[in-house]
Structure formats: structure tokens, C-alpha cells
Amino acid sequence: MTTKIGGNTYPVRGRLREMGGRWNPAEKVWEVPDSRADEARQLVGSAPRQAIRPQYSPETAREYRVHECGCGRRSGIAWTGTEWVCGNCM
């Protein structure tokens, strides 16, 4: 039998795999053998948290990102601190 483990698993995915775990993409959880479930929970609980930041910095947004509104233009993009906007989005 297996136990489903979710949460902040990305930083420790290699260790979960070494424990015999398998990624379940449909449910977005790791399935580990019941015999290693407690160890896996402890490992995930001690995993380092990653900072959440925008996908691109404002400096590179003009080069790589199109507008969220779907207008498709590459110029005039601005990061408001919470989202990407353009003249059509404002």
C-alpha cells in the first residue's frame, strides 16, 4: 500500500524518489510506501520554503512576455507589484 504525500515536495523530490516514491501527476502528490510514510512526512515538513516571485523581472518582461490581456503586443508592459499590466489592462 502507499500513502499520499503533498505540500512543499519539490525541494525534496529526489529523496522521495529514493524512498520508493512515485509522482502522481493527476493528483499532484507523491505516493510513498506505507513503511516510509512517517519519514517522508518529516522530510517534506523540513523542506526549505521557496520565495514566490514574478516569472520575469520587469527588466526582461519587454523581451519575453506578452500581455496578460491577450492583445499580443510586446511593448508597454509594466509590473504593478501584484500583476503584469499594459495600456489595455489598466
Protein backbone atom coordinates (compact mmCIF):
# COMPACT_ATOMS: atom_id res chain seq x y z
CA MET A 1 0.00 0.00 0.00
CA THR A 2 1.03 3.61 -0.46
CA THR A 3 0.46 6.88 1.33
CA LYS A 4 -0.11 10.16 -0.50
CA ILE A 5 2.23 13.00 0.46
CA GLY A 6 1.58 16.57 -0.70
CA GLY A 7 2.74 20.04 0.18
CA ASN A 8 6.17 21.56 -0.42
CA THR A 9 7.66 18.44 -2.03
CA TYR A 10 9.63 19.97 -4.90
CA PRO A 11 12.85 20.68 -2.95
CA VAL A 12 12.98 17.05 -1.70
CA ARG A 13 11.62 15.21 -4.74
CA GLY A 14 14.90 13.33 -5.25
CA ARG A 15 14.83 11.98 -1.70
CA LEU A 16 11.16 10.97 -2.07
CA ARG A 17 12.09 9.07 -5.22
CA GLU A 18 14.95 7.34 -3.35
CA MET A 19 12.42 6.21 -0.72
CA GLY A 20 10.49 4.42 -3.44
CA GLY A 21 8.02 7.22 -4.01
CA ARG A 22 6.31 7.86 -7.31
CA TRP A 23 4.87 11.16 -8.51
CA ASN A 24 1.15 11.07 -9.28
CA PRO A 25 0.64 13.89 -11.81
CA ALA A 26 -3.16 13.56 -11.85
CA GLU A 27 -3.44 14.25 -8.10
CA LYS A 28 -0.18 16.24 -7.82
CA VAL A 29 1.03 14.20 -4.84
CA TRP A 30 3.80 11.71 -4.14
CA GLU A 31 2.83 8.15 -3.33
CA VAL A 32 5.34 6.54 -0.95
CA PRO A 33 5.30 3.07 0.60
CA ASP A 34 3.43 2.98 3.91
CA SER A 35 6.60 1.81 5.64
CA ARG A 36 8.34 5.11 4.73
CA ALA A 37 5.33 7.46 5.18
CA ASP A 38 6.42 8.94 8.53
CA GLU A 39 9.93 9.56 7.22
CA ALA A 40 8.52 11.21 4.07
CA ARG A 41 6.21 13.47 6.09
CA GLN A 42 9.11 14.60 8.27
CA LEU A 43 11.27 15.23 5.19
CA VAL A 44 8.59 17.36 3.49
CA GLY A 45 7.91 19.23 6.72
CA SER A 46 11.57 20.24 6.97
CA ALA A 47 11.92 21.21 3.28
CA PRO A 48 13.10 24.78 2.67
CA ARG A 49 10.42 27.22 1.56
CA GLN A 50 10.97 28.94 -1.77
CA ALA A 51 10.25 32.62 -2.30
CA ILE A 52 7.33 33.42 -4.57
CA ARG A 53 8.27 35.96 -7.21
CA PRO A 54 7.07 37.03 -10.66
CA GLN A 55 8.02 34.76 -13.53
CA TYR A 56 10.05 37.52 -15.17
CA SER A 57 11.62 40.65 -13.77
CA PRO A 58 10.33 43.98 -15.09
CA GLU A 59 13.64 44.43 -16.93
CA THR A 60 13.17 41.28 -19.02
CA ALA A 61 9.39 41.45 -19.38
CA ARG A 62 9.54 43.53 -22.54
CA GLU A 63 11.66 40.89 -24.25
CA TYR A 64 9.92 37.67 -23.21
CA ARG A 65 6.36 38.26 -22.07
CA VAL A 66 3.20 39.15 -23.97
CA HIS A 67 0.33 41.00 -22.35
CA GLU A 68 -1.98 39.15 -19.94
CA CYS A 69 -4.99 40.75 -21.64
CA GLY A 70 -4.20 38.83 -24.84
CA CYS A 71 -3.51 41.87 -27.02
CA GLY A 72 -0.24 40.17 -28.09
CA ARG A 73 1.88 43.31 -28.13
CA ARG A 74 5.29 43.09 -26.53
CA SER A 75 5.82 46.74 -25.59
CA GLY A 76 4.36 48.78 -22.75
CA ILE A 77 4.27 46.01 -20.15
CA ALA A 78 4.54 47.06 -16.50
CA TRP A 79 4.75 45.12 -13.23
CA THR A 80 2.41 46.69 -10.65
CA GLY A 81 3.77 44.65 -7.76
CA THR A 82 0.96 42.11 -7.98
CA GLU A 83 0.42 41.54 -11.71
CA TRP A 84 1.60 42.34 -15.24
CA VAL A 85 -0.46 45.01 -17.00
CA CYS A 86 -0.44 47.01 -20.24
CA GLY A 87 -2.30 50.03 -21.56
CA ASN A 88 -5.23 47.76 -22.45
CA CYS A 89 -5.30 46.18 -18.97
CA MET A 90 -5.12 49.37 -16.89
